[in-house]
Amino acid sequence: MSKSKKPQPTKSSQRPTWLLPAVIVGAIVVVLAIVAAMTGSRREPFEPEVAGAPRAEVDQTSIDHGAVRFEQPVESVFRVRNVGDQPLTILGEPRVELLQGC
């Protein structure tokens, strides 16, 4: 007598449990990358205020920190923007004037 063997399902026919979540996460990353690429390119075209020369525009010309104790560090941020149509080069350190009040 011969024993008849039934075909056993192989493990290669089953999908790994991590495959579906990995495909979903990959699809979400691709969609987010496409959205970021499309929205990042929507900048307004630059129209210079000065033609033929560079020109620096500073958003603030003075900042009042109020009463500050001696040797207490303070920080100020100024945004400098080139509004001309030529490259702006800043040479050296900017001049900062400190006024001491009474």
PDB file of N, CA and C in Angstrom:
ATOM      1  N   MET A   1       0.810  -1.167   0.000  1.00  0.00           N
ATOM      2  CA  MET A   1       0.000   0.000   0.000  1.00  0.00           C
ATOM      3  C   MET A   1       0.866   1.248   0.000  1.00  0.00           C
ATOM      4  N   SER A   2       0.438   2.164  -0.762  1.00  0.00           N
ATOM      5  CA  SER A   2       1.171   3.419  -0.780  1.00  0.00           C
ATOM      6  C   SER A   2       0.344   4.506  -0.109  1.00  0.00           C
ATOM      7  N   LYS A   3       1.052   5.307   0.600  1.00  0.00           N
ATOM      8  CA  LYS A   3       0.359   6.403   1.285  1.00  0.00           C
ATOM      9  C   LYS A   3       0.280   7.587   0.333  1.00  0.00           C
ATOM     10  N   SER A   4      -0.889   8.132   0.272  1.00  0.00           N
ATOM     11  CA  SER A   4      -1.085   9.288  -0.587  1.00  0.00           C
ATOM     12  C   SER A   4      -0.817  10.547   0.236  1.00  0.00           C
ATOM     13  N   LYS A   5       0.029  11.413  -0.317  1.00  0.00           N
ATOM     14  CA  LYS A   5       0.356  12.662   0.383  1.00  0.00           C
ATOM     15  C   LYS A   5      -0.484  13.787  -0.205  1.00  0.00           C
ATOM     16  N   LYS A   6      -1.072  14.545   0.682  1.00  0.00           N
ATOM     17  CA  LYS A   6      -1.834  15.710   0.253  1.00  0.00           C
ATOM     18  C   LYS A   6      -0.872  16.887   0.095  1.00  0.00           C
ATOM     19  N   PRO A   7      -1.075  17.712  -0.937  1.00  0.00           N
ATOM     20  CA  PRO A   7      -0.191  18.867  -1.081  1.00  0.00           C
ATOM     21  C   PRO A   7      -0.382  19.832   0.084  1.00  0.00           C
ATOM     22  N   GLN A   8       0.709  20.204   0.669  1.00  0.00           N
ATOM     23  CA  GLN A   8       0.706  21.161   1.781  1.00  0.00           C
ATOM     24  C   GLN A   8       0.857  22.570   1.211  1.00  0.00           C
ATOM     25  N   PRO A   9       0.086  23.534   1.744  1.00  0.00           N
ATOM     26  CA  PRO A   9       0.277  24.916   1.277  1.00  0.00           C
ATOM     27  C   PRO A   9       1.661  25.396   1.680  1.00  0.00           C
ATOM     28  N   THR A  10       2.296  26.052   0.751  1.00  0.00           N
ATOM     29  CA  THR A  10       3.635  26.564   1.022  1.00  0.00           C
ATOM     30  C   THR A  10       3.554  27.929   1.664  1.00  0.00           C
ATOM     31  N   LYS A  11       4.569  28.264   2.413  1.00  0.00           N
ATOM     32  CA  LYS A  11       4.592  29.560   3.087  1.00  0.00           C
ATOM     33  C   LYS A  11       4.818  30.701   2.102  1.00  0.00           C
ATOM     34  N   SER A  12       5.351  30.396   0.945  1.00  0.00           N
ATOM     35  CA  SER A  12       5.616  31.455  -0.020  1.00  0.00           C
ATOM     36  C   SER A  12       4.342  32.012  -0.629  1.00  0.00           C
ATOM     37  N   SER A  13       3.237  31.281  -0.523  1.00  0.00           N
ATOM     38  CA  SER A  13       1.990  31.783  -1.091  1.00  0.00           C
ATOM     39  C   SER A  13       1.278  32.748  -0.149  1.00  0.00           C
ATOM     40  N   GLN A  14       1.690  32.781   1.105  1.00  0.00           N
ATOM     41  CA  GLN A  14       1.078  33.701   2.059  1.00  0.00           C
ATOM     42  C   GLN A  14       1.821  35.032   2.043  1.00  0.00           C
ATOM     43  N   ARG A  15       1.075  36.150   2.187  1.00  0.00           N
ATOM     44  CA  ARG A  15       1.689  37.473   2.234  1.00  0.00           C
ATOM     45  C   ARG A  15       2.196  37.775   3.631  1.00  0.00           C
ATOM     46  N   PRO A  16       3.312  38.446   3.733  1.00  0.00           N
ATOM     47  CA  PRO A  16       3.782  38.853   5.067  1.00  0.00           C
ATOM     48  C   PRO A  16       2.793  39.840   5.682  1.00  0.00           C
ATOM     49  N   THR A  17       2.690  39.845   6.984  1.00  0.00           N
ATOM     50  CA  THR A  17       1.727  40.723   7.665  1.00  0.00           C
ATOM     51  C   THR A  17       2.121  42.191   7.564  1.00  0.00           C
ATOM     52  N   TRP A  18       3.377  42.493   7.335  1.00  0.00           N
ATOM     53  CA  TRP A  18       3.832  43.872   7.279  1.00  0.00           C
ATOM     54  C   TRP A  18       3.664  44.495   5.900  1.00  0.00           C
ATOM     55  N   LEU A  19       3.325  43.710   4.894  1.00  0.00           N
ATOM     56  CA  LEU A  19       3.295  44.213   3.519  1.00  0.00           C
ATOM     57  C   LEU A  19       2.206  45.266   3.306  1.00  0.00           C
ATOM     58  N   LEU A  20       0.989  45.006   3.759  1.00  0.00           N
ATOM     59  CA  LEU A  20      -0.116  45.955   3.544  1.00  0.00           C
ATOM     60  C   LEU A  20       0.139  47.295   4.245  1.00  0.00           C
ATOM     61  N   PRO A  21       0.529  47.322   5.531  1.00  0.00           N
ATOM     62  CA  PRO A  21       0.831  48.624   6.155  1.00  0.00           C
ATOM     63  C   PRO A  21       1.983  49.356   5.471  1.00  0.00           C
ATOM     64  N   ALA A  22       2.989  48.619   4.987  1.00  0.00           N
ATOM     65  CA  ALA A  22       4.113  49.262   4.301  1.00  0.00           C
ATOM     66  C   ALA A  22       3.669  49.902   2.995  1.00  0.00           C
ATOM     67  N   VAL A  23       2.784  49.251   2.260  1.00  0.00           N
ATOM     68  CA  VAL A  23       2.273  49.818   1.009  1.00  0.00           C
ATOM     69  C   VAL A  23       1.438  51.065   1.289  1.00  0.00           C
ATOM     70  N   ILE A  24       0.624  51.026   2.340  1.00  0.00           N
ATOM     71  CA  ILE A  24      -0.215  52.193   2.687  1.00  0.00           C
ATOM     72  C   ILE A  24       0.660  53.376   3.097  1.00  0.00           C
ATOM     73  N   VAL A  25       1.655  53.133   3.944  1.00  0.00           N
ATOM     74  CA  VAL A  25       2.552  54.214   4.375  1.00  0.00           C
ATOM     75  C   VAL A  25       3.324  54.764   3.181  1.00  0.00           C
ATOM     76  N   GLY A  26       3.776  53.905   2.290  1.00  0.00           N
ATOM     77  CA  GLY A  26       4.487  54.353   1.095  1.00  0.00           C
ATOM     78  C   GLY A  26       3.623  55.227   0.211  1.00  0.00           C
ATOM     79  N   ALA A  27       2.351  54.851   0.047  1.00  0.00           N
ATOM     80  CA  ALA A  27       1.435  55.641  -0.769  1.00  0.00           C
ATOM     81  C   ALA A  27       1.191  57.009  -0.145  1.00  0.00           C
ATOM     82  N   ILE A  28       1.063  57.056   1.180  1.00  0.00           N
ATOM     83  CA  ILE A  28       0.848  58.338   1.862  1.00  0.00           C
ATOM     84  C   ILE A  28       2.071  59.234   1.691  1.00  0.00           C
ATOM     85  N   VAL A  29       3.259  58.678   1.801  1.00  0.00           N
ATOM     86  CA  VAL A  29       4.488  59.466   1.630  1.00  0.00           C
ATOM     87  C   VAL A  29       4.576  60.024   0.214  1.00  0.00           C
ATOM     88  N   VAL A  30       4.226  59.231  -0.772  1.00  0.00           N
ATOM     89  CA  VAL A  30       4.268  59.698  -2.167  1.00  0.00           C
ATOM     90  C   VAL A  30       3.272  60.834  -2.371  1.00  0.00           C
ATOM     91  N   VAL A  31       2.063  60.704  -1.833  1.00  0.00           N
ATOM     92  CA  VAL A  31       1.042  61.753  -1.986  1.00  0.00           C
ATOM     93  C   VAL A  31       1.508  63.040  -1.297  1.00  0.00           C
ATOM     94  N   LEU A  32       2.073  62.923  -0.094  1.00  0.00           N
ATOM     95  CA  LEU A  32       2.558  64.116   0.608  1.00  0.00           C
ATOM     96  C   LEU A  32       3.709  64.783  -0.141  1.00  0.00           C
ATOM     97  N   ALA A  33       4.585  64.002  -0.742  1.00  0.00           N
ATOM     98  CA  ALA A  33       5.687  64.567  -1.520  1.00  0.00           C
ATOM     99  C   ALA A  33       5.172  65.318  -2.742  1.00  0.00           C
ATOM    100  N   ILE A  34       4.167  64.773  -3.388  1.00  0.00           N
ATOM    101  CA  ILE A  34       3.585  65.445  -4.561  1.00  0.00           C
ATOM    102  C   ILE A  34       2.925  66.752  -4.153  1.00  0.00           C
ATOM    103  N   VAL A  35       2.172  66.740  -3.049  1.00  0.00           N
ATOM    104  CA  VAL A  35       1.508  67.961  -2.573  1.00  0.00           C
ATOM    105  C   VAL A  35       2.546  69.010  -2.184  1.00  0.00           C
ATOM    106  N   ALA A  36       3.620  68.596  -1.498  1.00  0.00           N
ATOM    107  CA  ALA A  36       4.667  69.547  -1.100  1.00  0.00           C
ATOM    108  C   ALA A  36       5.363  70.139  -2.318  1.00  0.00           C
ATOM    109  N   ALA A  37       5.601  69.336  -3.331  1.00  0.00           N
ATOM    110  CA  ALA A  37       6.256  69.844  -4.543  1.00  0.00           C
ATOM    111  C   ALA A  37       5.361  70.830  -5.282  1.00  0.00           C
ATOM    112  N   MET A  38       4.073  70.572  -5.301  1.00  0.00           N
ATOM    113  CA  MET A  38       3.150  71.469  -6.016  1.00  0.00           C
ATOM    114  C   MET A  38       2.957  72.785  -5.277  1.00  0.00           C
ATOM    115  N   THR A  39       2.861  72.755  -3.957  1.00  0.00           N
ATOM    116  CA  THR A  39       2.629  73.998  -3.212  1.00  0.00           C
ATOM    117  C   THR A  39       3.905  74.794  -3.031  1.00  0.00           C
ATOM    118  N   GLY A  40       5.064  74.149  -3.035  1.00  0.00           N
ATOM    119  CA  GLY A  40       6.330  74.855  -2.864  1.00  0.00           C
ATOM    120  C   GLY A  40       6.707  75.708  -4.054  1.00  0.00           C
ATOM    121  N   SER A  41       6.187  75.406  -5.218  1.00  0.00           N
ATOM    122  CA  SER A  41       6.556  76.154  -6.416  1.00  0.00           C
ATOM    123  C   SER A  41       5.630  77.335  -6.677  1.00  0.00           C
ATOM    124  N   ARG A  42       4.723  77.608  -5.784  1.00  0.00           N
ATOM    125  CA  ARG A  42       3.770  78.714  -5.985  1.00  0.00           C
ATOM    126  C   ARG A  42       4.253  79.989  -5.307  1.00  0.00           C
ATOM    127  N   ARG A  43       5.400  80.455  -5.663  1.00  0.00           N
ATOM    128  CA  ARG A  43       5.907  81.716  -5.121  1.00  0.00           C
ATOM    129  C   ARG A  43       5.519  82.850  -6.043  1.00  0.00           C
ATOM    130  N   GLU A  44       5.336  84.008  -5.419  1.00  0.00           N
ATOM    131  CA  GLU A  44       5.054  85.190  -6.228  1.00  0.00           C
ATOM    132  C   GLU A  44       6.326  85.606  -6.943  1.00  0.00           C
ATOM    133  N   PRO A  45       6.223  86.056  -8.169  1.00  0.00           N
ATOM    134  CA  PRO A  45       7.436  86.494  -8.877  1.00  0.00           C
ATOM    135  C   PRO A  45       8.019  87.740  -8.206  1.00  0.00           C
ATOM    136  N   PHE A  46       9.347  87.809  -8.165  1.00  0.00           N
ATOM    137  CA  PHE A  46      10.033  88.941  -7.528  1.00  0.00           C
ATOM    138  C   PHE A  46      10.033  90.132  -8.469  1.00  0.00           C
ATOM    139  N   GLU A  47       9.553  91.253  -7.966  1.00  0.00           N
ATOM    140  CA  GLU A  47       9.581  92.509  -8.718  1.00  0.00           C
ATOM    141  C   GLU A  47      10.448  93.494  -7.942  1.00  0.00           C
ATOM    142  N   PRO A  48      11.631  93.821  -8.449  1.00  0.00           N
ATOM    143  CA  PRO A  48      12.534  94.715  -7.704  1.00  0.00           C
ATOM    144  C   PRO A  48      11.967  96.117  -7.600  1.00  0.00           C
ATOM    145  N   GLU A  49      12.258  96.750  -6.450  1.00  0.00           N
ATOM    146  CA  GLU A  49      11.843  98.139  -6.247  1.00  0.00           C
ATOM    147  C   GLU A  49      12.864  99.104  -6.835  1.00  0.00           C
ATOM    148  N   VAL A  50      14.112  98.647  -6.976  1.00  0.00           N
ATOM    149  CA  VAL A  50      15.196  99.473  -7.508  1.00  0.00           C
ATOM    150  C   VAL A  50      15.768  98.751  -8.717  1.00  0.00           C
ATOM    151  N   ALA A  51      15.921  99.466  -9.825  1.00  0.00           N
ATOM    152  CA  ALA A  51      16.470  98.868 -11.045  1.00  0.00           C
ATOM    153  C   ALA A  51      17.925  99.278 -11.218  1.00  0.00           C
ATOM    154  N   GLY A  52      18.775  98.320 -11.587  1.00  0.00           N
ATOM    155  CA  GLY A  52      20.163  98.614 -11.901  1.00  0.00           C
ATOM    156  C   GLY A  52      21.111  98.654 -10.719  1.00  0.00           C
ATOM    157  N   ALA A  53      20.637  98.367  -9.504  1.00  0.00           N
ATOM    158  CA  ALA A  53      21.512  98.413  -8.332  1.00  0.00           C
ATOM    159  C   ALA A  53      20.922  97.563  -7.215  1.00  0.00           C
ATOM    160  N   PRO A  54      21.766  97.132  -6.272  1.00  0.00           N
ATOM    161  CA  PRO A  54      21.229  96.447  -5.103  1.00  0.00           C
ATOM    162  C   PRO A  54      20.757  97.468  -4.070  1.00  0.00           C
ATOM    163  N   ARG A  55      19.834  97.063  -3.219  1.00  0.00           N
ATOM    164  CA  ARG A  55      19.387  97.951  -2.152  1.00  0.00           C
ATOM    165  C   ARG A  55      18.887  97.099  -0.992  1.00  0.00           C
ATOM    166  N   ALA A  56      19.399  97.384   0.202  1.00  0.00           N
ATOM    167  CA  ALA A  56      19.011  96.639   1.395  1.00  0.00           C
ATOM    168  C   ALA A  56      17.799  97.295   2.029  1.00  0.00           C
ATOM    169  N   GLU A  57      16.865  96.472   2.450  1.00  0.00           N
ATOM    170  CA  GLU A  57      15.692  96.942   3.184  1.00  0.00           C
ATOM    171  C   GLU A  57      15.675  96.205   4.517  1.00  0.00           C
ATOM    172  N   VAL A  58      15.609  96.960   5.622  1.00  0.00           N
ATOM    173  CA  VAL A  58      15.611  96.380   6.958  1.00  0.00           C
ATOM    174  C   VAL A  58      14.211  96.524   7.530  1.00  0.00           C
ATOM    175  N   ASP A  59      13.684  95.449   8.144  1.00  0.00           N
ATOM    176  CA  ASP A  59      12.310  95.491   8.630  1.00  0.00           C
ATOM    177  C   ASP A  59      12.135  96.371   9.866  1.00  0.00           C
ATOM    178  N   GLN A  60      13.200  96.571  10.662  1.00  0.00           N
ATOM    179  CA  GLN A  60      13.134  97.433  11.841  1.00  0.00           C
ATOM    180  C   GLN A  60      14.398  98.264  11.912  1.00  0.00           C
ATOM    181  N   THR A  61      14.258  99.509  12.294  1.00  0.00           N
ATOM    182  CA  THR A  61      15.455 100.333  12.434  1.00  0.00           C
ATOM    183  C   THR A  61      15.855 100.497  13.894  1.00  0.00           C
ATOM    184  N   SER A  62      14.955 100.186  14.830  1.00  0.00           N
ATOM    185  CA  SER A  62      15.318 100.254  16.241  1.00  0.00           C
ATOM    186  C   SER A  62      14.463  99.270  17.036  1.00  0.00           C
ATOM    187  N   ILE A  63      15.050  98.825  18.163  1.00  0.00           N
ATOM    188  CA  ILE A  63      14.347  97.920  19.074  1.00  0.00           C
ATOM    189  C   ILE A  63      14.585  98.440  20.484  1.00  0.00           C
ATOM    190  N   ASP A  64      13.533  98.496  21.278  1.00  0.00           N
ATOM    191  CA  ASP A  64      13.643  98.932  22.668  1.00  0.00           C
ATOM    192  C   ASP A  64      13.452  97.705  23.557  1.00  0.00           C
ATOM    193  N   HIS A  65      14.536  97.307  24.252  1.00  0.00           N
ATOM    194  CA  HIS A  65      14.448  96.160  25.154  1.00  0.00           C
ATOM    195  C   HIS A  65      14.004  96.576  26.552  1.00  0.00           C
ATOM    196  N   GLY A  66      13.768  97.839  26.774  1.00  0.00           N
ATOM    197  CA  GLY A  66      13.364  98.301  28.096  1.00  0.00           C
ATOM    198  C   GLY A  66      14.540  98.304  29.056  1.00  0.00           C
ATOM    199  N   ALA A  67      14.242  98.166  30.344  1.00  0.00           N
ATOM    200  CA  ALA A  67      15.294  98.162  31.368  1.00  0.00           C
ATOM    201  C   ALA A  67      15.950  96.779  31.380  1.00  0.00           C
ATOM    202  N   VAL A  68      17.264  96.781  31.162  1.00  0.00           N
ATOM    203  CA  VAL A  68      18.032  95.538  31.147  1.00  0.00           C
ATOM    204  C   VAL A  68      19.161  95.669  32.156  1.00  0.00           C
ATOM    205  N   ARG A  69      19.345  94.646  33.002  1.00  0.00           N
ATOM    206  CA  ARG A  69      20.421  94.666  33.988  1.00  0.00           C
ATOM    207  C   ARG A  69      21.775  94.618  33.287  1.00  0.00           C
ATOM    208  N   PHE A  70      22.790  95.133  33.954  1.00  0.00           N
ATOM    209  CA  PHE A  70      24.143  95.162  33.420  1.00  0.00           C
ATOM    210  C   PHE A  70      24.631  93.737  33.149  1.00  0.00           C
ATOM    211  N   GLU A  71      25.245  93.544  32.009  1.00  0.00           N
ATOM    212  CA  GLU A  71      25.795  92.280  31.538  1.00  0.00           C
ATOM    213  C   GLU A  71      24.746  91.181  31.336  1.00  0.00           C
ATOM    214  N   GLN A  72      23.489  91.564  31.210  1.00  0.00           N
ATOM    215  CA  GLN A  72      22.456  90.576  30.882  1.00  0.00           C
ATOM    216  C   GLN A  72      22.351  90.523  29.355  1.00  0.00           C
ATOM    217  N   PRO A  73      22.552  89.365  28.767  1.00  0.00           N
ATOM    218  CA  PRO A  73      22.507  89.297  27.300  1.00  0.00           C
ATOM    219  C   PRO A  73      21.083  89.472  26.772  1.00  0.00           C
ATOM    220  N   VAL A  74      20.983  90.166  25.674  1.00  0.00           N
ATOM    221  CA  VAL A  74      19.717  90.325  24.965  1.00  0.00           C
ATOM    222  C   VAL A  74      19.961  89.990  23.489  1.00  0.00           C
ATOM    223  N   GLU A  75      18.914  89.628  22.812  1.00  0.00           N
ATOM    224  CA  GLU A  75      19.049  89.263  21.405  1.00  0.00           C
ATOM    225  C   GLU A  75      17.992  90.002  20.595  1.00  0.00           C
ATOM    226  N   SER A  76      18.411  90.485  19.448  1.00  0.00           N
ATOM    227  CA  SER A  76      17.503  91.169  18.532  1.00  0.00           C
ATOM    228  C   SER A  76      17.652  90.560  17.152  1.00  0.00           C
ATOM    229  N   VAL A  77      16.569  90.490  16.427  1.00  0.00           N
ATOM    230  CA  VAL A  77      16.598  89.921  15.081  1.00  0.00           C
ATOM    231  C   VAL A  77      16.101  90.975  14.105  1.00  0.00           C
ATOM    232  N   PHE A  78      16.922  91.231  13.093  1.00  0.00           N
ATOM    233  CA  PHE A  78      16.550  92.140  12.017  1.00  0.00           C
ATOM    234  C   PHE A  78      16.531  91.328  10.733  1.00  0.00           C
ATOM    235  N   ARG A  79      15.545  91.515   9.937  1.00  0.00           N
ATOM    236  CA  ARG A  79      15.484  90.848   8.636  1.00  0.00           C
ATOM    237  C   ARG A  79      15.932  91.840   7.571  1.00  0.00           C
ATOM    238  N   VAL A  80      16.954  91.442   6.825  1.00  0.00           N
ATOM    239  CA  VAL A  80      17.496  92.276   5.759  1.00  0.00           C
ATOM    240  C   VAL A  80      17.121  91.620   4.436  1.00  0.00           C
ATOM    241  N   ARG A  81      16.577  92.414   3.525  1.00  0.00           N
ATOM    242  CA  ARG A  81      16.121  91.891   2.242  1.00  0.00           C
ATOM    243  C   ARG A  81      16.648  92.762   1.120  1.00  0.00           C
ATOM    244  N   ASN A  82      17.058  92.143   0.030  1.00  0.00           N
ATOM    245  CA  ASN A  82      17.523  92.875  -1.142  1.00  0.00           C
ATOM    246  C   ASN A  82      16.308  93.197  -2.013  1.00  0.00           C
ATOM    247  N   VAL A  83      16.023  94.490  -2.183  1.00  0.00           N
ATOM    248  CA  VAL A  83      14.884  94.890  -3.009  1.00  0.00           C
ATOM    249  C   VAL A  83      15.339  95.419  -4.368  1.00  0.00           C
ATOM    250  N   GLY A  84      16.632  95.307  -4.656  1.00  0.00           N
ATOM    251  CA  GLY A  84      17.158  95.714  -5.955  1.00  0.00           C
ATOM    252  C   GLY A  84      17.268  94.516  -6.889  1.00  0.00           C
ATOM    253  N   ASP A  85      17.643  94.791  -8.126  1.00  0.00           N
ATOM    254  CA  ASP A  85      17.748  93.710  -9.105  1.00  0.00           C
ATOM    255  C   ASP A  85      19.178  93.225  -9.311  1.00  0.00           C
ATOM    256  N   GLN A  86      20.139  93.725  -8.516  1.00  0.00           N
ATOM    257  CA  GLN A  86      21.529  93.288  -8.564  1.00  0.00           C
ATOM    258  C   GLN A  86      21.865  92.574  -7.254  1.00  0.00           C
ATOM    259  N   PRO A  87      22.892  91.720  -7.248  1.00  0.00           N
ATOM    260  CA  PRO A  87      23.268  91.016  -6.013  1.00  0.00           C
ATOM    261  C   PRO A  87      23.708  91.989  -4.923  1.00  0.00           C
ATOM    262  N   LEU A  88      23.262  91.739  -3.706  1.00  0.00           N
ATOM    263  CA  LEU A  88      23.596  92.559  -2.545  1.00  0.00           C
ATOM    264  C   LEU A  88      24.712  91.873  -1.770  1.00  0.00           C
ATOM    265  N   THR A  89      25.807  92.604  -1.524  1.00  0.00           N
ATOM    266  CA  THR A  89      26.929  92.065  -0.761  1.00  0.00           C
ATOM    267  C   THR A  89      27.106  92.915   0.482  1.00  0.00           C
ATOM    268  N   ILE A  90      27.115  92.262   1.641  1.00  0.00           N
ATOM    269  CA  ILE A  90      27.334  92.965   2.901  1.00  0.00           C
ATOM    270  C   ILE A  90      28.766  92.698   3.308  1.00  0.00           C
ATOM    271  N   LEU A  91      29.568  93.747   3.387  1.00  0.00           N
ATOM    272  CA  LEU A  91      30.981  93.624   3.736  1.00  0.00           C
ATOM    273  C   LEU A  91      31.168  93.984   5.200  1.00  0.00           C
ATOM    274  N   GLY A  92      31.846  93.143   5.935  1.00  0.00           N
ATOM    275  CA  GLY A  92      32.108  93.423   7.343  1.00  0.00           C
ATOM    276  C   GLY A  92      30.878  93.216   8.198  1.00  0.00           C
ATOM    277  N   GLU A  93      31.020  93.608   9.469  1.00  0.00           N
ATOM    278  CA  GLU A  93      29.911  93.483  10.398  1.00  0.00           C
ATOM    279  C   GLU A  93      29.033  94.727  10.322  1.00  0.00           C
ATOM    280  N   PRO A  94      27.725  94.549  10.476  1.00  0.00           N
ATOM    281  CA  PRO A  94      26.849  95.720  10.472  1.00  0.00           C
ATOM    282  C   PRO A  94      27.114  96.615  11.683  1.00  0.00           C
ATOM    283  N   ARG A  95      26.893  97.892  11.518  1.00  0.00           N
ATOM    284  CA  ARG A  95      27.106  98.851  12.601  1.00  0.00           C
ATOM    285  C   ARG A  95      25.870  98.857  13.493  1.00  0.00           C
ATOM    286  N   VAL A  96      26.096  98.664  14.767  1.00  0.00           N
ATOM    287  CA  VAL A  96      25.007  98.662  15.745  1.00  0.00           C
ATOM    288  C   VAL A  96      25.322  99.736  16.774  1.00  0.00           C
ATOM    289  N   GLU A  97      24.372 100.583  17.060  1.00  0.00           N
ATOM    290  CA  GLU A  97      24.570 101.654  18.026  1.00  0.00           C
ATOM    291  C   GLU A  97      23.733 101.343  19.269  1.00  0.00           C
ATOM    292  N   LEU A  98      24.398 101.340  20.402  1.00  0.00           N
ATOM    293  CA  LEU A  98      23.722 101.050  21.673  1.00  0.00           C
ATOM    294  C   LEU A  98      23.539 102.362  22.418  1.00  0.00           C
ATOM    295  N   LEU A  99      22.321 102.686  22.752  1.00  0.00           N
ATOM    296  CA  LEU A  99      22.026 103.903  23.501  1.00  0.00           C
ATOM    297  C   LEU A  99      21.681 103.525  24.929  1.00  0.00           C
ATOM    298  N   GLN A 100      22.348 104.185  25.886  1.00  0.00           N
ATOM    299  CA  GLN A 100      22.082 103.910  27.278  1.00  0.00           C
ATOM    300  C   GLN A 100      21.196 105.001  27.832  1.00  0.00           C
ATOM    301  N   GLY A 101      20.106 104.601  28.424  1.00  0.00           N
ATOM    302  CA  GLY A 101      19.188 105.577  28.997  1.00  0.00           C
ATOM    303  C   GLY A 101      19.469 105.805  30.462  1.00  0.00           C
ATOM    304  N   CYS A 102      18.659 106.660  31.080  1.00  0.00           N
ATOM    305  CA  CYS A 102      18.828 106.977  32.504  1.00  0.00           C
ATOM    306  C   CYS A 102      18.043 106.039  33.358  1.00  0.00           C
TER     307      CYS A 102
END
